[in-house]
């Protein structure tokens, strides 16, 4: 199949790539850019392990064509850290044991990153609703909810009050 030249902006960096028009964003990220944080869990958009942010919105990269993302900002879990330091959600996941096998963790983190960008102080119900499209087969979710609560608290302490 003939390849086409596209430019993707991923984690703040531009990448010019020659890809097949039918190549999925997930495969482009993992194979062409070596950004292996996003995982292939289902290939039918039912697990959320491949979640990335496209222009700030959580999207399932296993069902998106890479070429359709040209001109948009893509953020993967590799782009979550802040100035070389762990983001609050990353630190909290480690502190609270929010991951067991870790396979689903990148998708959850990207979904939480979006949630906290649109709602800095979500209720537990809002957190559960936001994460309802992400599946974990190991943790039972309790540790994740504790980690998210801790990350929210850490973010609130980091923001100076006016």
Protein backbone atom coordinates (compact mmCIF):
# COMPACT_ATOMS: atom_id res chain seq x y z
CA UNK A 1 0.00 0.00 0.00
CA UNK A 2 1.20 3.48 -0.83
CA UNK A 3 2.36 5.59 2.12
CA UNK A 4 1.47 9.21 2.66
CA UNK A 5 3.44 11.88 4.45
CA UNK A 6 1.77 13.30 7.57
CA UNK A 7 2.84 15.52 10.42
CA UNK A 8 1.74 14.64 13.93
CA UNK A 9 2.28 16.78 16.99
CA UNK A 10 2.78 14.42 19.93
CA UNK A 11 3.65 15.53 23.45
CA UNK A 12 4.59 18.97 22.16
CA UNK A 13 6.92 17.76 19.40
CA UNK A 14 6.26 17.63 15.66
CA UNK A 15 6.95 14.40 13.79
CA UNK A 16 6.89 13.97 10.01
CA UNK A 17 5.99 10.39 9.16
CA UNK A 18 5.40 8.33 6.04
CA UNK A 19 2.55 5.95 6.91
CA UNK A 20 -0.10 3.89 5.20
CA UNK A 21 -3.43 5.74 5.15
CA UNK A 22 -5.08 2.88 7.06
CA UNK A 23 -2.55 2.86 9.92
CA UNK A 24 -4.08 3.30 13.35
CA UNK A 25 -2.91 6.03 15.70
CA UNK A 26 -2.04 3.42 18.34
CA UNK A 27 0.26 1.57 15.92
CA UNK A 28 1.86 4.82 14.77
CA UNK A 29 2.57 5.88 18.34
CA UNK A 30 3.98 2.49 19.36
CA UNK A 31 5.80 1.44 16.19
CA UNK A 32 6.89 4.65 14.53
CA UNK A 33 7.42 6.92 17.54
CA UNK A 34 8.35 4.24 20.12
CA UNK A 35 5.78 5.66 22.55
CA UNK A 36 4.71 2.35 24.02
CA UNK A 37 2.75 3.61 27.03
CA UNK A 38 -0.60 3.34 25.26
CA UNK A 39 -1.59 -0.32 25.15
CA UNK A 40 -3.57 -2.53 22.79
CA UNK A 41 -6.11 -4.25 24.98
CA UNK A 42 -9.12 -4.98 22.82
CA UNK A 43 -9.03 -3.37 19.35
CA UNK A 44 -12.75 -2.62 19.60
CA UNK A 45 -12.83 0.43 21.90
CA UNK A 46 -14.14 -1.45 24.92
CA UNK A 47 -11.24 -1.29 27.42
CA UNK A 48 -9.64 2.18 27.28
CA UNK A 49 -6.02 0.96 27.58
CA UNK A 50 -5.12 2.89 24.43
CA UNK A 51 -6.59 6.23 25.58
CA UNK A 52 -4.69 9.34 24.52
CA UNK A 53 -5.72 12.98 24.51
CA UNK A 54 -6.40 14.55 21.12
CA UNK A 55 -6.72 18.30 21.51
CA UNK A 56 -7.34 17.62 25.20
CA UNK A 57 -10.16 15.12 24.69
CA UNK A 58 -9.76 11.44 25.62
CA UNK A 59 -9.82 9.31 22.48
CA UNK A 60 -9.28 5.61 21.85
CA UNK A 61 -6.22 5.35 19.64
CA UNK A 62 -6.98 1.74 18.63
CA UNK A 63 -9.90 2.93 16.51
CA UNK A 64 -8.49 6.19 15.08
CA UNK A 65 -6.53 6.58 11.90
CA UNK A 66 -3.25 8.39 12.50
CA UNK A 67 -3.80 10.56 9.43
CA UNK A 68 -7.05 11.87 10.94
CA UNK A 69 -5.04 13.44 13.77
CA UNK A 70 -2.90 15.64 11.57
CA UNK A 71 -2.95 19.22 12.86
CA UNK A 72 -4.13 18.20 16.32
CA UNK A 73 -2.20 17.99 19.60
CA UNK A 74 -1.82 14.39 20.79
CA UNK A 75 -0.80 13.71 24.38
CA UNK A 76 0.25 10.24 25.48
CA UNK A 77 1.04 9.03 28.98
CA UNK A 78 4.69 9.79 28.21
CA UNK A 79 3.70 13.45 27.97
CA UNK A 80 1.97 13.63 31.37
CA UNK A 81 5.06 14.32 33.48
CA UNK A 82 5.67 17.94 34.33
CA UNK A 83 9.13 19.37 33.63
CA UNK A 84 10.79 16.00 34.22
CA UNK A 85 8.92 15.34 37.47
CA UNK A 86 6.01 13.00 38.01
CA UNK A 87 2.60 14.61 37.70
CA UNK A 88 0.42 14.39 40.81
CA UNK A 89 -1.62 11.52 39.35
CA UNK A 90 1.51 9.54 38.50
CA UNK A 91 2.95 9.99 41.99
CA UNK A 92 -0.36 9.13 43.65
CA UNK A 93 -0.72 5.94 41.60
CA UNK A 94 2.68 4.82 42.87
CA UNK A 95 2.02 5.88 46.45
CA UNK A 96 -1.43 4.25 46.66
CA UNK A 97 -0.78 1.13 44.57
CA UNK A 98 -3.18 2.32 41.88
CA UNK A 99 -1.76 -0.23 39.45
CA UNK A 100 -1.09 -3.90 39.79
CA UNK A 101 -0.02 -5.22 36.41
CA UNK A 102 -0.03 -1.66 35.02
CA UNK A 103 -1.43 -2.54 31.61
CA UNK A 104 -4.51 -0.34 31.93
CA UNK A 105 -2.79 2.45 33.87
CA UNK A 106 -1.87 4.71 30.91
CA UNK A 107 -5.48 4.80 29.74
CA UNK A 108 -6.75 5.59 33.21
CA UNK A 109 -4.16 8.33 33.68
CA UNK A 110 -5.08 10.03 30.43
CA UNK A 111 -8.77 9.93 31.34
CA UNK A 112 -8.04 11.37 34.80
CA UNK A 113 -5.80 14.05 33.27
CA UNK A 114 -8.72 15.18 31.12
CA UNK A 115 -11.18 15.03 34.02
CA UNK A 116 -8.97 17.20 36.22
CA UNK A 117 -8.43 19.66 33.36
CA UNK A 118 -12.18 20.25 33.07
CA UNK A 119 -13.08 19.78 36.75
CA UNK A 120 -10.37 20.44 39.33
CA UNK A 121 -12.47 19.10 42.19
CA UNK A 122 -14.64 16.24 40.94
CA UNK A 123 -16.87 14.28 43.28
CA UNK A 124 -16.32 10.56 43.68
CA UNK A 125 -19.38 9.99 41.50
CA UNK A 126 -17.91 12.21 38.77
CA UNK A 127 -14.60 10.31 38.96
CA UNK A 128 -16.38 6.97 38.68
CA UNK A 129 -18.45 8.22 35.76
CA UNK A 130 -15.38 9.57 33.93
CA UNK A 131 -13.55 6.27 34.37
CA UNK A 132 -16.50 4.09 33.37
CA UNK A 133 -15.03 3.58 29.88
CA UNK A 134 -11.74 2.23 31.24
CA UNK A 135 -11.42 -1.36 32.40
CA UNK A 136 -9.01 -2.87 34.91
CA UNK A 137 -8.80 -6.60 35.36
CA UNK A 138 -6.55 -6.55 38.46
CA UNK A 139 -7.10 -3.87 41.09
CA UNK A 140 -10.79 -3.82 41.88
CA UNK A 141 -10.54 -0.02 41.42
CA UNK A 142 -10.31 0.91 45.14
CA UNK A 143 -6.63 1.81 45.01
CA UNK A 144 -7.19 3.83 41.84
CA UNK A 145 -9.95 5.89 43.43
CA UNK A 146 -7.74 6.49 46.49
CA UNK A 147 -4.86 7.56 44.22
CA UNK A 148 -7.10 9.92 42.27
CA UNK A 149 -8.42 11.46 45.49
CA UNK A 150 -4.83 11.94 46.72
CA UNK A 151 -3.85 13.51 43.36
CA UNK A 152 -6.77 15.93 43.56
CA UNK A 153 -5.77 16.92 47.09
CA UNK A 154 -2.13 17.36 46.01
CA UNK A 155 -3.17 19.53 43.06
CA UNK A 156 -5.33 21.70 45.32
CA UNK A 157 -2.46 22.21 47.77
CA UNK A 158 -0.15 23.16 44.89
CA UNK A 159 -2.48 25.89 43.63
CA UNK A 160 -2.02 29.12 45.60
CA UNK A 161 -5.26 30.40 47.10
CA UNK A 162 -6.40 33.88 46.09
